[in-house]
Amino acid sequence: MMKAAFGEREAIQSRLQQIDQTEREIKRHFDQERKQLEFRLEMIELPNARKRAGSIKKRQRSAYVGYLQELIVAYLKQEKRPVRGFAVQQFVKDQTGHHIDNMSAFMNALMPKHEEVRKLGRGLYVYEEKALLHV
């Protein structure tokens, strides 16, 4: 009798942990989507925004960096294999015309925001899908 209650208690705690993890992943997904939509909106309004000065340029720059990061994550996810930093750099240049000078620094800034992107070794980056737990 005692073991059954203890097993049920562990099962409930485990499920609560799974729910917490899933909530965090879903929230992060929506945060990323929100950033992408805000960036697209800024790009649409860009001709009007150029007339203003100051912090708007900084916000545009950070929105553009966010866009480049999302582009790289999508590329790595599509490739499904380790990719050299140079190949990622070339992909960004081909897609946007923007050259990233310091790819290591750019990727080091990207990885904490996108936990599924990992550096495997010297200049190799990979996207590792984290499976959402469905019960």
Protein backbone atom coordinates (compact mmCIF):
# COMPACT_ATOMS: atom_id res chain seq x y z
CA MET A 1 0.00 0.00 0.00
CA MET A 2 2.80 2.40 0.92
CA LYS A 3 4.75 1.72 -2.31
CA ALA A 4 1.74 2.50 -4.52
CA ALA A 5 1.23 5.92 -2.90
CA PHE A 6 4.93 6.68 -3.18
CA GLY A 7 5.01 5.63 -6.87
CA GLU A 8 1.97 7.77 -7.62
CA ARG A 9 3.61 10.73 -5.84
CA GLU A 10 6.75 10.38 -7.97
CA ALA A 11 4.66 10.07 -11.13
CA ILE A 12 2.75 13.26 -10.31
CA GLN A 13 5.97 15.16 -9.55
CA SER A 14 7.54 13.93 -12.77
CA ARG A 15 4.50 15.01 -14.78
CA LEU A 16 4.55 18.46 -13.16
CA GLN A 17 8.20 18.83 -14.18
CA GLN A 18 7.32 17.81 -17.75
CA ILE A 19 4.54 20.41 -17.83
CA ASP A 20 6.92 23.11 -16.55
CA GLN A 21 9.49 22.24 -19.22
CA THR A 22 6.88 22.22 -21.98
CA GLU A 23 5.52 25.59 -20.81
CA ARG A 24 9.03 27.10 -20.97
CA GLU A 25 9.60 25.75 -24.49
CA ILE A 26 6.22 26.98 -25.73
CA LYS A 27 6.82 30.43 -24.20
CA ARG A 28 10.25 30.62 -25.84
CA HIS A 29 8.69 29.64 -29.18
CA PHE A 30 6.09 32.42 -28.93
CA ASP A 31 8.75 34.92 -27.83
CA GLN A 32 10.78 34.06 -30.94
CA GLU A 33 7.72 34.39 -33.16
CA ARG A 34 6.88 37.76 -31.57
CA LYS A 35 10.41 39.01 -32.28
CA GLN A 36 10.17 37.89 -35.91
CA LEU A 37 6.81 39.63 -36.37
CA GLU A 38 8.05 42.82 -34.72
CA PHE A 39 11.08 42.77 -37.00
CA ARG A 40 8.94 42.31 -40.12
CA LEU A 41 6.75 45.20 -38.99
CA GLU A 42 9.84 47.39 -38.51
CA MET A 43 11.14 46.42 -41.95
CA ILE A 44 7.79 47.40 -43.49
CA GLU A 45 7.89 50.75 -41.69
CA LEU A 46 11.59 51.28 -42.39
CA PRO A 47 11.20 54.12 -44.94
CA ASN A 48 9.25 56.16 -42.36
CA ALA A 49 11.61 55.21 -39.54
CA ARG A 50 14.67 56.58 -41.36
CA LYS A 51 13.31 60.09 -40.90
CA ARG A 52 13.64 59.70 -37.13
CA ALA A 53 17.01 59.54 -35.36
CA GLY A 54 18.59 58.27 -32.14
CA SER A 55 17.56 55.06 -30.44
CA ILE A 56 15.46 53.93 -33.37
CA LYS A 57 18.61 53.05 -35.30
CA LYS A 58 19.82 50.95 -32.37
CA ARG A 59 16.44 49.19 -32.18
CA GLN A 60 16.55 48.54 -35.92
CA ARG A 61 20.07 47.15 -35.64
CA SER A 62 19.09 44.79 -32.81
CA ALA A 63 15.96 43.76 -34.74
CA TYR A 64 18.16 43.05 -37.77
CA VAL A 65 20.56 41.00 -35.65
CA GLY A 66 17.56 39.06 -34.32
CA TYR A 67 16.43 38.46 -37.90
CA LEU A 68 19.89 37.18 -38.87
CA GLN A 69 19.91 34.89 -35.83
CA GLU A 70 16.51 33.44 -36.77
CA LEU A 71 17.73 32.98 -40.34
CA ILE A 72 20.79 31.06 -39.12
CA VAL A 73 18.73 28.87 -36.77
CA ALA A 74 16.34 28.04 -39.61
CA TYR A 75 19.30 27.19 -41.87
CA LEU A 76 20.91 24.91 -39.29
CA LYS A 77 17.56 23.24 -38.61
CA GLN A 78 17.08 22.64 -42.34
CA GLU A 79 20.59 21.19 -42.80
CA LYS A 80 20.19 18.47 -40.12
CA ARG A 81 23.96 18.02 -39.94
CA PRO A 82 26.95 19.92 -38.53
CA VAL A 83 27.74 22.99 -40.62
CA ARG A 84 30.96 25.00 -40.74
CA GLY A 85 30.80 28.59 -39.56
CA PHE A 86 32.08 29.71 -42.94
CA ALA A 87 29.17 27.97 -44.69
CA VAL A 88 26.72 29.70 -42.32
CA GLN A 89 28.45 33.02 -43.02
CA GLN A 90 28.20 32.41 -46.77
CA PHE A 91 24.51 31.47 -46.45
CA VAL A 92 23.75 34.74 -44.63
CA LYS A 93 25.66 36.72 -47.27
CA ASP A 94 23.79 34.94 -50.10
CA GLN A 95 20.38 35.45 -48.46
CA THR A 96 20.75 39.01 -47.16
CA GLY A 97 23.87 40.51 -48.72
CA HIS A 98 25.13 41.16 -45.18
CA HIS A 99 28.65 39.97 -44.28
CA ILE A 100 29.18 38.91 -40.66
CA ASP A 101 32.76 39.88 -39.79
CA ASN A 102 33.22 37.82 -36.62
CA MET A 103 31.21 34.62 -37.01
CA SER A 104 32.41 33.11 -33.70
CA ALA A 105 31.27 36.13 -31.71
CA PHE A 106 27.95 36.20 -33.58
CA MET A 107 27.32 32.51 -32.90
CA ASN A 108 28.41 32.87 -29.26
CA ALA A 109 25.74 35.56 -28.86
CA LEU A 110 23.16 33.39 -30.66
CA MET A 111 23.64 30.12 -28.74
CA PRO A 112 22.37 31.25 -25.30
CA LYS A 113 19.15 32.48 -26.94
CA HIS A 114 18.71 29.30 -28.98
CA GLU A 115 19.55 26.32 -26.80
CA GLU A 116 19.06 23.87 -29.66
CA VAL A 117 22.09 25.33 -31.50
CA ARG A 118 25.39 23.88 -30.32
CA LYS A 119 29.01 24.25 -31.26
CA LEU A 120 30.58 20.84 -31.86
CA GLY A 121 34.18 21.82 -32.36
CA ARG A 122 36.32 24.23 -34.30
CA GLY A 123 33.77 26.15 -36.32
CA LEU A 124 31.13 23.41 -36.53
CA TYR A 125 27.56 24.26 -35.51
CA VAL A 126 24.54 21.98 -35.35
CA TYR A 127 20.82 22.28 -34.60
CA GLU A 128 19.61 19.58 -32.20
CA GLU A 129 15.85 19.29 -31.97
CA LYS A 130 14.49 18.93 -28.45
CA ALA A 131 11.41 16.74 -28.50
CA LEU A 132 8.41 18.14 -26.67
CA LEU A 133 6.98 15.58 -24.28
CA HIS A 134 3.47 14.62 -25.26
CA VAL A 135 1.41 12.63 -22.80
